[in-house]
Protein backbone atom coordinates (compact mmCIF):
# COMPACT_ATOMS: atom_id res chain seq x y z
CA MET A 1 127.81 43.32 95.28
CA LYS A 2 127.50 46.96 94.25
CA LYS A 3 130.97 48.21 95.20
CA ILE A 4 134.35 46.49 95.64
CA LEU A 5 137.43 48.03 97.24
CA ILE A 6 140.70 46.79 95.72
CA ALA A 7 143.32 46.48 98.47
CA ASN A 8 146.26 46.47 96.09
CA ARG A 9 148.13 48.45 93.47
CA GLY A 10 149.76 48.14 90.04
CA GLU A 11 148.65 45.84 87.26
CA ILE A 12 146.54 43.53 89.43
CA ALA A 13 144.51 46.49 90.72
CA VAL A 14 143.95 47.60 87.12
CA ARG A 15 142.96 44.05 86.15
CA ILE A 16 140.37 43.85 88.94
CA ILE A 17 138.95 47.31 88.16
CA ARG A 18 138.42 46.24 84.54
CA ALA A 19 136.59 43.12 85.69
CA CYS A 20 134.38 45.24 87.96
CA LYS A 21 133.47 47.53 85.06
CA ILE A 22 132.37 44.57 82.93
CA LEU A 23 130.28 43.23 85.82
CA ASP A 24 128.78 46.72 86.38
CA ILE A 25 130.24 46.87 89.91
CA LEU A 26 131.68 50.13 91.26
CA SER A 27 135.36 50.05 92.21
CA VAL A 28 137.31 51.80 94.94
CA ALA A 29 141.08 52.20 94.70
CA VAL A 30 143.28 52.66 97.74
CA TYR A 31 146.70 54.20 97.33
CA SER A 32 149.78 55.36 99.17
CA THR A 33 151.22 58.84 98.81
CA ALA A 34 153.79 57.34 96.41
CA ASP A 35 150.95 56.08 94.18
CA LYS A 36 148.81 59.21 93.94
CA ASP A 37 149.40 59.36 90.16
CA ALA A 38 149.06 55.60 89.58
CA MET A 39 146.83 54.22 86.84
CA HIS A 40 144.58 52.26 89.19
CA VAL A 41 143.77 55.47 91.07
CA ALA A 42 142.65 57.19 87.87
CA MET A 43 140.65 54.19 86.60
CA ALA A 44 138.60 53.45 89.73
CA ASP A 45 135.23 55.06 90.43
CA GLU A 46 136.55 56.29 93.79
CA ALA A 47 140.00 56.49 95.38
CA VAL A 48 141.16 56.85 98.99
CA CYS A 49 144.68 57.61 100.23
CA ILE A 50 145.52 55.20 103.06
CA GLY A 51 149.00 56.25 104.14
CA GLY A 52 152.64 56.82 103.36
CA PRO A 53 154.83 55.10 100.78
CA ASN A 54 156.12 52.28 102.98
CA PRO A 55 153.88 49.19 102.68
CA GLU A 56 153.34 48.90 106.43
CA ASP A 57 151.91 52.43 106.41
CA SER A 58 149.51 51.80 103.54
CA TYR A 59 148.94 48.52 101.70
CA LEU A 60 149.68 46.49 104.84
CA ASN A 61 147.74 48.87 107.10
CA GLN A 62 144.66 46.81 107.88
CA ASN A 63 142.80 49.47 109.86
CA SER A 64 143.27 52.10 107.16
CA ILE A 65 141.96 49.76 104.48
CA ILE A 66 138.93 48.78 106.56
CA ALA A 67 138.25 52.44 107.27
CA ALA A 68 138.40 53.20 103.54
CA ALA A 69 135.92 50.41 102.86
CA GLU A 70 133.55 51.73 105.51
CA ILE A 71 133.82 55.36 104.37
CA THR A 72 133.06 54.38 100.77
CA GLN A 73 130.36 51.87 101.82
CA SER A 74 132.10 49.07 99.94
CA ASP A 75 130.41 45.65 100.07
CA ALA A 76 133.61 43.67 99.54
CA ILE A 77 137.39 43.84 99.45
CA HIS A 78 139.44 42.18 96.72
CA PRO A 79 143.00 41.69 98.01
CA GLY A 80 144.67 40.79 94.68
CA TYR A 81 147.98 39.04 95.32
CA GLY A 82 150.78 39.83 97.78
CA PHE A 83 150.28 42.34 100.61
CA LEU A 84 147.26 41.18 102.69
CA SER A 85 145.88 38.63 100.23
CA GLU A 86 146.83 35.66 102.42
CA ASN A 87 146.61 37.35 105.80
CA ALA A 88 144.12 35.46 107.96
CA ASP A 89 143.89 38.30 110.49
CA PHE A 90 142.84 40.72 107.76
CA ALA A 91 140.26 38.30 106.37
CA LYS A 92 138.88 37.87 109.89
CA LEU A 93 138.74 41.63 110.37
CA CYS A 94 136.71 41.90 107.17
CA GLU A 95 134.36 39.19 108.45
CA GLU A 96 133.93 40.99 111.77
CA GLN A 97 133.11 44.25 110.01
CA GLY A 98 130.57 42.61 107.70
CA ILE A 99 132.70 43.19 104.60
CA LYS A 100 133.01 40.31 102.15
CA PHE A 101 136.62 39.22 101.71
CA ILE A 102 136.94 37.95 98.14
CA GLY A 103 138.66 34.69 98.92
CA PRO A 104 138.35 31.82 101.37
CA SER A 105 137.44 32.19 105.04
CA SER A 106 139.98 33.44 107.56
CA GLU A 107 140.03 29.94 109.05
CA VAL A 108 141.03 28.35 105.75
CA ILE A 109 143.66 31.03 105.09
CA ALA A 110 145.12 30.40 108.54
CA THR A 111 145.18 26.65 107.97
CA MET A 112 146.92 26.87 104.61
CA GLY A 113 149.12 29.82 105.54
CA GLU A 114 150.76 28.05 108.47
CA LYS A 115 153.02 25.71 106.55
CA SER A 116 153.18 22.87 109.06
CA THR A 117 149.39 22.88 109.54
CA ALA A 118 148.96 22.93 105.78
CA ARG A 119 151.23 19.91 105.47
CA GLU A 120 149.22 17.92 108.00
CA THR A 121 145.98 18.95 106.31
CA MET A 122 147.28 17.81 102.93
CA ILE A 123 148.53 14.51 104.34
CA GLN A 124 145.04 13.86 105.70
CA ALA A 125 143.62 14.68 102.25
CA GLY A 126 145.94 12.11 100.62
CA VAL A 127 148.28 14.63 98.99
CA PRO A 128 151.98 13.65 98.79
CA VAL A 129 154.16 16.07 100.77
CA ILE A 130 157.87 16.74 101.02
CA ALA A 131 159.70 16.50 104.36
CA GLY A 132 159.47 19.72 106.36
CA SER A 133 159.53 21.28 109.82
CA GLU A 134 156.80 20.24 112.23
CA SER A 135 155.86 23.87 112.94
CA ASP A 136 156.92 27.37 111.98
CA PHE A 137 159.27 29.40 114.17
CA LEU A 138 160.70 32.82 114.95
CA ASP A 139 164.08 31.89 116.40
CA LEU A 140 167.28 30.74 114.72
CA ASP A 141 167.82 28.04 117.37
CA ASP A 142 164.47 26.45 116.49
CA ALA A 143 165.42 26.58 112.82
CA LYS A 144 168.68 24.77 113.55
CA ILE A 145 166.86 21.98 115.38
CA ALA A 146 164.37 21.56 112.54
CA ALA A 147 167.13 21.56 109.90
CA GLU A 148 169.03 18.82 111.70
CA LYS A 149 165.90 16.65 111.80
CA ILE A 150 165.13 17.17 108.09
CA GLY A 151 168.74 16.97 106.88
CA TYR A 152 170.60 19.53 104.76
CA PRO A 153 170.12 20.99 102.20
CA VAL A 154 166.88 22.66 103.22
CA MET A 155 164.71 25.49 101.91
CA LEU A 156 164.09 28.35 104.36
CA LYS A 157 160.71 29.95 103.61
CA ALA A 158 158.41 32.66 104.92
CA SER A 159 155.45 30.97 106.57
CA ALA A 160 152.99 33.75 105.69
CA GLY A 161 153.52 34.08 101.95
CA GLY A 162 155.15 33.02 98.72
CA GLY A 163 156.53 34.60 95.57
CA GLY A 164 160.13 33.90 96.58
CA LYS A 165 160.02 36.50 99.38
CA GLY A 166 161.93 35.39 102.46
CA MET A 167 163.15 32.25 100.71
CA ARG A 168 166.71 30.86 100.78
CA VAL A 169 168.43 27.56 99.92
CA VAL A 170 170.49 26.55 102.95
CA GLU A 171 173.30 24.02 102.45
CA ASN A 172 174.60 23.84 106.03
CA VAL A 173 174.30 25.36 109.49
CA LYS A 174 176.65 28.25 108.62
CA ASP A 175 174.40 29.15 105.67
CA LEU A 176 171.42 29.06 108.01
CA GLU A 177 173.11 31.39 110.50
CA ARG A 178 174.00 33.80 107.71
CA GLU A 179 170.65 33.79 105.88
CA PHE A 180 168.07 33.49 108.66
CA ASP A 181 167.87 37.13 109.74
CA LEU A 182 167.90 38.38 106.13
CA ALA A 183 165.11 36.05 105.07
CA GLN A 184 163.07 36.84 108.17
CA ALA A 185 163.40 40.59 107.63
CA GLU A 186 162.28 40.18 104.02
CA ALA A 187 159.27 38.15 105.17
CA LYS A 188 158.33 40.86 107.69
CA VAL A 189 158.45 43.62 105.06
CA SER A 190 156.56 41.59 102.44
CA PHE A 191 153.86 39.96 104.56
CA GLY A 192 153.91 41.66 107.97
CA ASP A 193 154.81 38.31 109.57
CA SER A 194 158.24 37.04 110.69
CA HIS A 195 157.42 33.35 111.11
CA MET A 196 159.65 31.02 109.10
CA TYR A 197 159.47 27.42 107.92
CA LEU A 198 161.84 24.74 106.57
CA GLU A 199 161.39 21.97 104.04
CA LYS A 200 163.73 19.51 102.31
CA PHE A 201 165.39 20.95 99.23
CA LEU A 202 165.22 18.99 95.96
CA ALA A 203 167.93 20.07 93.54
CA HIS A 204 166.42 19.52 90.07
CA PRO A 205 162.62 19.22 90.12
CA ARG A 206 160.12 21.23 88.12
CA HIS A 207 157.72 23.64 89.81
CA ILE A 208 154.21 22.89 88.57
CA GLU A 209 151.01 24.32 89.97
CA VAL A 210 147.34 23.44 89.54
CA GLN A 211 144.74 26.20 89.33
CA VAL A 212 141.65 25.33 91.36
CA ALA A 213 138.33 27.04 91.99
CA ALA A 214 135.61 26.16 94.48
CA ASP A 215 132.20 27.66 95.25
CA GLN A 216 129.94 27.79 98.29
CA PHE A 217 128.07 24.67 97.21
CA GLY A 218 130.93 22.17 97.49
CA ASN A 219 131.78 22.24 93.80
CA ALA A 220 135.50 22.30 92.99
CA ILE A 221 137.39 22.06 89.72
CA ALA A 222 140.95 22.09 88.37
CA ILE A 223 141.30 24.74 85.67
CA GLY A 224 144.54 23.55 84.15
CA GLU A 225 148.14 23.63 85.33
CA ARG A 226 151.16 25.87 84.85
CA ASP A 227 154.88 25.18 84.69
CA CYS A 228 156.64 27.83 86.81
CA SER A 229 160.11 26.28 86.84
CA LEU A 230 161.84 29.28 85.25
CA GLN A 231 162.84 31.13 88.44
CA GLN A 232 165.67 33.41 89.40
CA ARG A 233 166.50 33.45 93.11
CA HIS A 234 163.12 31.78 93.72
CA GLN A 235 161.22 34.50 91.89
CA LYS A 236 159.19 33.33 88.91
CA VAL A 237 160.38 34.89 85.64
CA ILE A 238 158.63 32.95 82.86
CA GLU A 239 155.55 30.73 83.26
CA GLU A 240 153.93 28.36 80.78
CA ALA A 241 150.58 26.62 80.39
CA PRO A 242 150.02 23.79 80.03
CA ALA A 243 153.02 22.03 81.60
CA SER A 244 154.18 20.27 78.46
CA THR A 245 156.61 17.92 80.24
CA LEU A 246 153.84 16.31 82.31
CA ASP A 247 152.55 12.92 81.22
CA GLU A 248 148.77 12.57 81.21
CA LYS A 249 148.63 10.12 84.12
CA THR A 250 150.64 12.39 86.41
CA ARG A 251 148.60 15.41 85.32
CA GLN A 252 145.33 13.69 86.20
CA GLN A 253 146.70 12.52 89.55
CA MET A 254 147.67 16.11 90.38
CA TYR A 255 144.22 17.34 89.35
CA ASP A 256 142.47 14.69 91.43
CA VAL A 257 144.39 15.33 94.67
CA SER A 258 144.11 19.10 94.20
CA VAL A 259 140.34 19.00 93.80
CA LYS A 260 139.88 16.59 96.71
CA ALA A 261 142.05 18.69 99.02
CA THR A 262 140.20 21.85 98.00
CA GLN A 263 136.88 20.24 98.90
CA ASP A 264 138.21 18.74 102.13
CA ILE A 265 139.16 22.15 103.56
CA ASP A 266 135.88 23.85 102.50
CA PHE A 267 137.76 26.22 100.25
CA GLU A 268 135.97 29.06 98.45
CA GLY A 269 137.29 31.12 95.54
CA LEU A 270 140.46 30.80 93.47
CA GLY A 271 143.47 28.90 94.76
CA THR A 272 146.65 27.29 93.51
CA MET A 273 148.15 24.00 94.61
CA GLU A 274 151.92 24.17 94.11
CA PHE A 275 153.99 21.03 93.61
CA LEU A 276 157.58 19.98 93.02
CA VAL A 277 157.62 17.32 90.31
CA ASN A 278 160.60 14.96 90.25
CA GLY A 279 159.39 12.64 87.49
CA PRO A 280 156.35 10.63 86.37
CA GLU A 281 153.92 10.13 89.26
CA GLU A 282 156.48 11.65 91.66
CA PHE A 283 155.14 14.98 92.87
CA TYR A 284 155.13 16.68 96.27
CA PHE A 285 152.91 19.38 97.73
CA MET A 286 154.74 22.62 98.55
CA GLU A 287 151.98 25.04 99.46
CA MET A 288 148.55 26.30 98.57
CA ASN A 289 148.17 29.92 97.57
CA THR A 290 144.71 31.04 98.61
CA ARG A 291 144.41 33.94 96.14
CA VAL A 292 144.79 34.79 92.47
CA GLN A 293 148.29 34.30 91.05
CA VAL A 294 150.44 36.73 89.09
CA GLU A 295 150.49 34.21 86.24
CA HIS A 296 146.72 33.73 86.02
CA PRO A 297 146.54 35.14 82.43
CA ILE A 298 148.16 32.05 80.88
CA THR A 299 145.45 29.87 82.41
CA GLU A 300 142.79 32.25 81.14
CA LEU A 301 144.19 31.98 77.61
CA THR A 302 144.35 28.18 77.63
CA SER A 303 140.97 27.60 79.30
CA ASP A 304 138.81 30.52 78.08
CA VAL A 305 137.88 31.19 81.72
CA ASP A 306 138.02 34.77 83.04
CA LEU A 307 139.43 33.95 86.47
CA ILE A 308 138.82 37.35 88.08
CA ASP A 309 135.23 37.34 86.84
CA LEU A 310 134.80 33.82 88.24
CA GLN A 311 136.41 34.83 91.55
CA ILE A 312 134.00 37.73 92.03
CA LYS A 313 130.95 35.69 91.02
CA ILE A 314 131.86 32.93 93.49
CA ALA A 315 132.15 35.59 96.21
CA GLN A 316 128.65 36.77 95.27
CA GLY A 317 127.32 33.29 95.95
CA GLU A 318 127.08 32.01 92.40
CA PRO A 319 127.96 28.38 91.56
CA ILE A 320 130.82 27.48 89.22
CA PRO A 321 129.08 27.47 85.81
CA PHE A 322 130.99 24.54 84.27
CA ALA A 323 131.90 21.00 85.28
CA GLU A 324 135.00 20.48 83.12
CA ILE A 325 137.58 22.44 81.19
CA HIS A 326 138.78 21.78 77.67
CA GLU A 327 142.28 23.22 77.43
CA HIS A 328 143.58 24.47 74.12
CA ASN A 329 146.41 26.68 72.93
CA PHE A 330 149.75 27.17 74.60
CA ALA A 331 150.59 30.33 76.56
CA LEU A 332 153.67 31.76 78.21
CA GLU A 333 154.16 34.86 80.34
CA CYS A 334 157.26 36.98 80.82
CA ARG A 335 157.48 39.22 83.86
CA ILE A 336 159.00 42.61 83.10
CA ASN A 337 160.85 43.92 86.15
CA ALA A 338 162.29 47.37 86.80
CA LYS A 339 165.83 47.27 88.13
CA THR A 340 165.72 50.96 89.06
CA ALA A 341 163.09 53.49 90.07
CA GLY A 342 162.46 56.47 87.80
CA LYS A 343 160.20 58.20 85.32
CA ILE A 344 159.00 56.38 82.19
CA GLU A 345 160.32 58.64 79.43
CA ALA A 346 159.18 56.52 76.48
CA LEU A 347 156.83 53.56 76.36
CA HIS A 348 155.62 51.10 73.77
CA LEU A 349 154.02 47.85 74.91
CA PRO A 350 153.45 45.08 72.35
CA ALA A 351 150.08 44.06 70.91
CA GLY A 352 148.73 42.12 67.95
CA HIS A 353 147.47 38.61 67.32
CA GLY A 354 148.44 36.20 70.09
CA ILE A 355 149.80 38.89 72.44
CA ARG A 356 148.34 40.24 75.70
CA THR A 357 149.99 42.81 77.93
CA ASP A 358 148.94 43.44 81.55
CA SER A 359 150.47 46.59 83.01
CA ALA A 360 149.77 49.80 84.89
CA LEU A 361 152.50 51.77 83.10
CA TYR A 362 152.01 54.96 81.11
CA GLN A 363 154.44 57.46 79.66
CA GLY A 364 155.42 59.91 82.36
CA TYR A 365 154.63 57.52 85.21
CA LYS A 366 157.20 57.48 88.02
CA VAL A 367 158.08 53.94 89.10
CA PRO A 368 158.43 54.03 92.91
CA SER A 369 161.17 52.22 94.79
CA GLN A 370 159.06 50.90 97.68
CA TYR A 371 157.20 48.05 95.97
CA ASP A 372 157.64 44.85 93.99
CA SER A 373 159.77 45.38 90.89
CA MET A 374 157.34 43.85 88.38
CA ILE A 375 155.94 46.57 86.11
CA ALA A 376 154.37 44.56 83.29
CA LYS A 377 153.48 41.06 82.11
CA ILE A 378 153.71 40.13 78.45
CA ILE A 379 151.73 37.05 77.49
CA SER A 380 151.99 35.13 74.23
CA PHE A 381 149.53 32.43 73.15
CA ALA A 382 149.34 30.19 70.10
CA SER A 383 148.34 26.68 69.05
CA ASP A 384 151.73 25.27 70.07
CA ARG A 385 154.74 26.08 72.25
CA GLU A 386 157.16 26.76 69.42
CA THR A 387 154.89 29.39 67.84
CA ALA A 388 154.16 31.03 71.20
CA ILE A 389 157.90 31.35 71.85
CA ARG A 390 158.48 32.95 68.45
CA GLN A 391 155.65 35.40 69.12
CA MET A 392 157.11 36.22 72.51
CA SER A 393 160.51 36.87 70.97
CA GLU A 394 158.98 39.42 68.59
CA ALA A 395 156.90 40.99 71.37
CA LEU A 396 159.92 41.48 73.63
CA GLU A 397 161.90 42.93 70.71
CA GLU A 398 159.08 45.40 70.08
CA THR A 399 158.80 46.54 73.71
CA VAL A 400 160.23 49.95 74.63
CA ILE A 401 160.48 51.07 78.27
CA ASP A 402 162.85 54.02 78.63
CA GLY A 403 163.65 55.83 81.86
CA VAL A 404 164.23 52.79 84.06
CA GLN A 405 166.46 49.77 83.67
CA THR A 406 164.58 46.52 83.07
CA ASN A 407 165.20 42.80 82.55
CA LEU A 408 164.05 42.85 78.90
CA ASP A 409 167.46 41.92 77.50
CA PHE A 410 167.74 39.00 79.92
CA LEU A 411 164.28 37.70 78.96
CA MET A 412 165.19 37.87 75.27
CA GLN A 413 168.36 35.90 76.02
CA VAL A 414 166.45 33.24 77.97
CA ILE A 415 163.86 32.43 75.32
CA GLU A 416 166.58 32.07 72.68
CA GLU A 417 168.53 29.54 74.75
CA PRO A 418 168.56 26.08 73.07
CA ASP A 419 167.76 24.29 76.35
CA TYR A 420 164.74 26.52 76.89
CA LYS A 421 163.43 25.93 73.40
CA ILE A 422 163.49 22.16 73.92
CA ASN A 423 162.14 22.53 77.48
CA HIS A 424 165.24 21.00 79.05
CA THR A 425 165.07 23.07 82.27
CA ASP A 426 164.27 22.82 85.98
CA ILE A 427 163.98 25.18 88.95
CA SER A 428 167.76 25.74 89.14
CA TRP A 429 168.39 26.17 85.41
CA LEU A 430 167.81 29.91 85.24
CA ASP A 431 170.04 30.70 88.21
CA ASN A 432 172.80 28.65 86.58
CA LEU A 433 172.28 30.53 83.31
CA ALA A 434 172.46 33.91 85.07
CA ASN A 435 175.72 32.90 86.72
């Protein structure tokens, strides 16, 4: 590959551009009119405006992105996460135009993106699954029928994506009637797809995911796991690696089924198998994300694997260069979210030993209102969890972001909570704390 177009924005676009520079590959940024002054636009070798500020007019506009790739003679498109990263139609369009989509085939994306098909595929691969609807749906009446079969409470989810978008806990039919249209509208805006899905809701499990990679030669590997249980309204807030509450037998079982499933579906690239873990040897498949995750840095810091570099090399036809991973260190990531749009009047992001910051912020940058609220990720890593938490506490204290309201104070509160320090949490703990 000589030139890659990055079909995304913000910190992940910056992260991919940096990887391209190290690999001596030219990069092309695409941007909306709201992002004309964004960091990724300035950093890329070329930049093309693809539409207005609303996502459907720009970052979800498949034809505009393909046109930008053709105009700039890009060999490949890296979708990052969110937007079109798990859109099978877009991947197929890339294939039809002879542009390499950096990720699995459109067929695999379609299989794993349609939740009911993904469930059946995982069952055939021997992966434990939680009860869910037999197919996705567009209508409330179909949702009601599925919910009655599964039994309340259920989780209403967007079929085409993850990240908490379009997701609601539904306790009864009245909840479903109230939440369905809201969740569906959110799914449409986030992923360009209104199909919904239901699965049985477990009240107090942990959310643990396994990072996998697979190449074109049938090689697949698990590159560690992450505990993503710290969520607020189904949005991840703090992630950790490794998952320190997992016993070794359960961890190995999760690795084994993840690798086997990845091979069974002829997967290529980076993916994440997400599970709900209810106790030792009791884990259930939720979904497979067929792209790089927001929280990939904590896996990089515990495995010494540059995941974006690996992702691009796999797309170029190279084999995975290692057969096993030796995890070390402990890492945690805090997502910094903007509660308001506005201009960054003063900015200081933390650094120093054991600290990494991924962001596309700069002083004077205007945070737009149209996109995801995450504006930075602060990552702490050390030889043990306790030290990494102390380092994170200092890093958050050091951070200055003036001009917009953020969740910094809340993050500082969370990591000082006694239950968090002893890892006595689950997927509902943070919502209960916030209330």
